[in-house]
């Protein structure tokens, strides 16, 4: 076994994957879109959130 095996394995296991980063980012983004809609800001690029 190479001396770099253990540190490399720890780095790979400890870093979050794409899904672990995307899911909270999508949730936070939707929260800000809904908050801006409720405050009266209009965002036409996200028409599925516009109910007016």
PDB file of N, CA and C in Angstrom:
ATOM      1  N   UNK A   1       0.858  -1.179   0.000  1.00  0.00           N
ATOM      2  CA  UNK A   1       0.000   0.000   0.000  1.00  0.00           C
ATOM      3  C   UNK A   1       0.902   1.239   0.000  1.00  0.00           C
ATOM      4  N   UNK A   2       0.541   2.195  -0.804  1.00  0.00           N
ATOM      5  CA  UNK A   2       1.305   3.428  -0.940  1.00  0.00           C
ATOM      6  C   UNK A   2       1.131   4.298   0.308  1.00  0.00           C
ATOM      7  N   UNK A   3       2.152   5.082   0.660  1.00  0.00           N
ATOM      8  CA  UNK A   3       2.005   5.979   1.808  1.00  0.00           C
ATOM      9  C   UNK A   3       0.963   7.083   1.579  1.00  0.00           C
ATOM     10  N   UNK A   4       0.631   7.351   0.331  1.00  0.00           N
ATOM     11  CA  UNK A   4      -0.365   8.391   0.033  1.00  0.00           C
ATOM     12  C   UNK A   4      -1.792   7.853   0.019  1.00  0.00           C
ATOM     13  N   UNK A   5      -1.946   6.539   0.179  1.00  0.00           N
ATOM     14  CA  UNK A   5      -3.284   5.953   0.116  1.00  0.00           C
ATOM     15  C   UNK A   5      -4.197   6.486   1.214  1.00  0.00           C
ATOM     16  N   UNK A   6      -3.745   6.475   2.442  1.00  0.00           N
ATOM     17  CA  UNK A   6      -4.590   6.911   3.563  1.00  0.00           C
ATOM     18  C   UNK A   6      -4.966   8.390   3.468  1.00  0.00           C
ATOM     19  N   UNK A   7      -4.024   9.307   3.234  1.00  0.00           N
ATOM     20  CA  UNK A   7      -4.439  10.721   3.106  1.00  0.00           C
ATOM     21  C   UNK A   7      -5.383  10.955   1.920  1.00  0.00           C
ATOM     22  N   UNK A   8      -5.125  10.274   0.811  1.00  0.00           N
ATOM     23  CA  UNK A   8      -5.993  10.438  -0.358  1.00  0.00           C
ATOM     24  C   UNK A   8      -7.404   9.931  -0.051  1.00  0.00           C
ATOM     25  N   UNK A   9      -7.488   8.797   0.605  1.00  0.00           N
ATOM     26  CA  UNK A   9      -8.786   8.240   0.972  1.00  0.00           C
ATOM     27  C   UNK A   9      -9.537   9.173   1.907  1.00  0.00           C
ATOM     28  N   UNK A  10      -8.858   9.748   2.869  1.00  0.00           N
ATOM     29  CA  UNK A  10      -9.507  10.668   3.805  1.00  0.00           C
ATOM     30  C   UNK A  10     -10.034  11.911   3.100  1.00  0.00           C
ATOM     31  N   UNK A  11      -9.282  12.416   2.145  1.00  0.00           N
ATOM     32  CA  UNK A  11      -9.725  13.603   1.405  1.00  0.00           C
ATOM     33  C   UNK A  11     -10.969  13.275   0.587  1.00  0.00           C
ATOM     34  N   UNK A  12     -10.962  12.126  -0.076  1.00  0.00           N
ATOM     35  CA  UNK A  12     -12.104  11.757  -0.915  1.00  0.00           C
ATOM     36  C   UNK A  12     -13.351  11.511  -0.064  1.00  0.00           C
ATOM     37  N   UNK A  13     -13.182  10.872   1.067  1.00  0.00           N
ATOM     38  CA  UNK A  13     -14.329  10.566   1.927  1.00  0.00           C
ATOM     39  C   UNK A  13     -14.846  11.818   2.633  1.00  0.00           C
ATOM     40  N   UNK A  14     -13.967  12.732   2.989  1.00  0.00           N
ATOM     41  CA  UNK A  14     -14.358  13.903   3.780  1.00  0.00           C
ATOM     42  C   UNK A  14     -14.976  15.017   2.948  1.00  0.00           C
ATOM     43  N   UNK A  15     -14.711  15.062   1.653  1.00  0.00           N
ATOM     44  CA  UNK A  15     -15.255  16.145   0.832  1.00  0.00           C
ATOM     45  C   UNK A  15     -16.674  15.803   0.382  1.00  0.00           C
ATOM     46  N   UNK A  16     -17.587  16.772   0.400  1.00  0.00           N
ATOM     47  CA  UNK A  16     -18.967  16.498  -0.010  1.00  0.00           C
ATOM     48  C   UNK A  16     -19.070  16.328  -1.522  1.00  0.00           C
ATOM     49  N   UNK A  17     -19.989  15.524  -1.943  1.00  0.00           N
ATOM     50  CA  UNK A  17     -20.221  15.310  -3.367  1.00  0.00           C
ATOM     51  C   UNK A  17     -21.062  16.417  -3.964  1.00  0.00           C
ATOM     52  N   UNK A  18     -21.300  16.309  -5.258  1.00  0.00           N
ATOM     53  CA  UNK A  18     -22.066  17.321  -5.974  1.00  0.00           C
ATOM     54  C   UNK A  18     -23.484  17.436  -5.422  1.00  0.00           C
ATOM     55  N   UNK A  19     -24.117  16.318  -5.142  1.00  0.00           N
ATOM     56  CA  UNK A  19     -25.485  16.343  -4.626  1.00  0.00           C
ATOM     57  C   UNK A  19     -25.584  17.000  -3.263  1.00  0.00           C
ATOM     58  N   UNK A  20     -24.557  16.794  -2.443  1.00  0.00           N
ATOM     59  CA  UNK A  20     -24.564  17.388  -1.106  1.00  0.00           C
ATOM     60  C   UNK A  20     -24.389  18.900  -1.162  1.00  0.00           C
ATOM     61  N   UNK A  21     -23.799  19.400  -2.209  1.00  0.00           N
ATOM     62  CA  UNK A  21     -23.653  20.852  -2.377  1.00  0.00           C
ATOM     63  C   UNK A  21     -24.846  21.452  -3.123  1.00  0.00           C
ATOM     64  N   UNK A  22     -25.363  20.720  -4.105  1.00  0.00           N
ATOM     65  CA  UNK A  22     -26.450  21.239  -4.932  1.00  0.00           C
ATOM     66  C   UNK A  22     -27.768  21.351  -4.166  1.00  0.00           C
ATOM     67  N   UNK A  23     -28.074  20.355  -3.353  1.00  0.00           N
ATOM     68  CA  UNK A  23     -29.365  20.329  -2.666  1.00  0.00           C
ATOM     69  C   UNK A  23     -29.576  21.526  -1.738  1.00  0.00           C
ATOM     70  N   UNK A  24     -28.638  21.835  -0.827  1.00  0.00           N
ATOM     71  CA  UNK A  24     -28.839  23.037   0.009  1.00  0.00           C
ATOM     72  C   UNK A  24     -28.828  24.328  -0.811  1.00  0.00           C
ATOM     73  N   UNK A  25     -28.001  24.375  -1.860  1.00  0.00           N
ATOM     74  CA  UNK A  25     -27.949  25.579  -2.694  1.00  0.00           C
ATOM     75  C   UNK A  25     -29.289  25.809  -3.384  1.00  0.00           C
ATOM     76  N   UNK A  26     -29.896  24.735  -3.883  1.00  0.00           N
ATOM     77  CA  UNK A  26     -31.204  24.862  -4.538  1.00  0.00           C
ATOM     78  C   UNK A  26     -32.267  25.294  -3.535  1.00  0.00           C
ATOM     79  N   UNK A  27     -32.216  24.749  -2.329  1.00  0.00           N
ATOM     80  CA  UNK A  27     -33.184  25.133  -1.300  1.00  0.00           C
ATOM     81  C   UNK A  27     -33.038  26.575  -0.891  1.00  0.00           C
ATOM     82  N   UNK A  28     -31.807  27.027  -0.736  1.00  0.00           N
ATOM     83  CA  UNK A  28     -31.578  28.425  -0.370  1.00  0.00           C
ATOM     84  C   UNK A  28     -32.002  29.358  -1.493  1.00  0.00           C
ATOM     85  N   UNK A  29     -31.725  28.970  -2.731  1.00  0.00           N
ATOM     86  CA  UNK A  29     -32.102  29.798  -3.879  1.00  0.00           C
ATOM     87  C   UNK A  29     -33.615  29.926  -3.967  1.00  0.00           C
ATOM     88  N   UNK A  30     -34.329  28.838  -3.769  1.00  0.00           N
ATOM     89  CA  UNK A  30     -35.793  28.913  -3.826  1.00  0.00           C
ATOM     90  C   UNK A  30     -36.327  29.786  -2.696  1.00  0.00           C
ATOM     91  N   UNK A  31     -35.703  29.708  -1.530  1.00  0.00           N
ATOM     92  CA  UNK A  31     -36.131  30.545  -0.415  1.00  0.00           C
ATOM     93  C   UNK A  31     -35.958  32.022  -0.713  1.00  0.00           C
ATOM     94  N   UNK A  32     -34.861  32.388  -1.359  1.00  0.00           N
ATOM     95  CA  UNK A  32     -34.646  33.799  -1.682  1.00  0.00           C
ATOM     96  C   UNK A  32     -35.594  34.253  -2.787  1.00  0.00           C
ATOM     97  N   UNK A  33     -35.924  33.346  -3.721  1.00  0.00           N
ATOM     98  CA  UNK A  33     -36.880  33.722  -4.770  1.00  0.00           C
ATOM     99  C   UNK A  33     -38.255  33.981  -4.179  1.00  0.00           C
ATOM    100  N   UNK A  34     -38.688  33.105  -3.273  1.00  0.00           N
ATOM    101  CA  UNK A  34     -39.996  33.306  -2.657  1.00  0.00           C
ATOM    102  C   UNK A  34     -40.007  34.545  -1.775  1.00  0.00           C
ATOM    103  N   UNK A  35     -38.923  34.798  -1.079  1.00  0.00           N
ATOM    104  CA  UNK A  35     -38.844  35.978  -0.230  1.00  0.00           C
ATOM    105  C   UNK A  35     -38.886  37.257  -1.071  1.00  0.00           C
ATOM    106  N   UNK A  36     -38.181  37.254  -2.200  1.00  0.00           N
ATOM    107  CA  UNK A  36     -38.186  38.449  -3.045  1.00  0.00           C
ATOM    108  C   UNK A  36     -39.551  38.651  -3.688  1.00  0.00           C
ATOM    109  N   UNK A  37     -40.256  37.544  -3.978  1.00  0.00           N
ATOM    110  CA  UNK A  37     -41.593  37.662  -4.553  1.00  0.00           C
ATOM    111  C   UNK A  37     -42.556  38.252  -3.530  1.00  0.00           C
ATOM    112  N   UNK A  38     -42.441  37.824  -2.303  1.00  0.00           N
ATOM    113  CA  UNK A  38     -43.330  38.331  -1.258  1.00  0.00           C
ATOM    114  C   UNK A  38     -43.056  39.792  -0.936  1.00  0.00           C
ATOM    115  N   UNK A  39     -41.822  40.224  -1.169  1.00  0.00           N
ATOM    116  CA  UNK A  39     -41.502  41.617  -0.873  1.00  0.00           C
ATOM    117  C   UNK A  39     -41.908  42.551  -2.008  1.00  0.00           C
ATOM    118  N   UNK A  40     -42.396  41.978  -3.117  1.00  0.00           N
ATOM    119  CA  UNK A  40     -42.862  42.805  -4.218  1.00  0.00           C
ATOM    120  C   UNK A  40     -41.907  42.852  -5.393  1.00  0.00           C
ATOM    121  N   UNK A  41     -40.737  42.263  -5.267  1.00  0.00           N
ATOM    122  CA  UNK A  41     -39.794  42.229  -6.386  1.00  0.00           C
ATOM    123  C   UNK A  41     -40.317  41.248  -7.434  1.00  0.00           C
ATOM    124  N   UNK A  42     -40.136  41.577  -8.698  1.00  0.00           N
ATOM    125  CA  UNK A  42     -40.619  40.724  -9.777  1.00  0.00           C
ATOM    126  C   UNK A  42     -39.430  40.116 -10.497  1.00  0.00           C
ATOM    127  N   UNK A  43     -39.426  38.790 -10.613  1.00  0.00           N
ATOM    128  CA  UNK A  43     -38.351  38.088 -11.295  1.00  0.00           C
ATOM    129  C   UNK A  43     -38.972  37.264 -12.412  1.00  0.00           C
ATOM    130  N   UNK A  44     -38.942  37.787 -13.634  1.00  0.00           N
ATOM    131  CA  UNK A  44     -39.622  37.133 -14.741  1.00  0.00           C
ATOM    132  C   UNK A  44     -38.897  35.880 -15.224  1.00  0.00           C
ATOM    133  N   UNK A  45     -37.641  35.684 -14.855  1.00  0.00           N
ATOM    134  CA  UNK A  45     -36.924  34.500 -15.309  1.00  0.00           C
ATOM    135  C   UNK A  45     -37.382  33.249 -14.590  1.00  0.00           C
ATOM    136  N   UNK A  46     -38.100  33.387 -13.484  1.00  0.00           N
ATOM    137  CA  UNK A  46     -38.609  32.241 -12.741  1.00  0.00           C
ATOM    138  C   UNK A  46     -40.133  32.329 -12.697  1.00  0.00           C
ATOM    139  N   UNK A  47     -40.745  32.132 -13.863  1.00  0.00           N
ATOM    140  CA  UNK A  47     -42.180  32.343 -13.978  1.00  0.00           C
ATOM    141  C   UNK A  47     -43.000  31.332 -13.186  1.00  0.00           C
ATOM    142  N   UNK A  48     -42.422  30.131 -12.873  1.00  0.00           N
ATOM    143  CA  UNK A  48     -43.198  29.163 -12.125  1.00  0.00           C
ATOM    144  C   UNK A  48     -43.450  29.592 -10.691  1.00  0.00           C
ATOM    145  N   UNK A  49     -42.699  30.585 -10.207  1.00  0.00           N
ATOM    146  CA  UNK A  49     -42.906  31.075  -8.840  1.00  0.00           C
ATOM    147  C   UNK A  49     -43.807  32.304  -8.818  1.00  0.00           C
ATOM    148  N   UNK A  50     -44.074  32.860  -9.978  1.00  0.00           N
ATOM    149  CA  UNK A  50     -44.916  34.062 -10.024  1.00  0.00           C
ATOM    150  C   UNK A  50     -46.382  33.641 -10.078  1.00  0.00           C
ATOM    151  N   UNK A  51     -47.148  34.085  -9.107  1.00  0.00           N
ATOM    152  CA  UNK A  51     -48.556  33.701  -9.052  1.00  0.00           C
ATOM    153  C   UNK A  51     -49.477  34.867  -9.369  1.00  0.00           C
ATOM    154  N   UNK A  52     -48.929  36.002  -9.717  1.00  0.00           N
ATOM    155  CA  UNK A  52     -49.750  37.181 -10.021  1.00  0.00           C
ATOM    156  C   UNK A  52     -50.274  37.115 -11.421  1.00  0.00           C
TER     157      UNK A  52
END
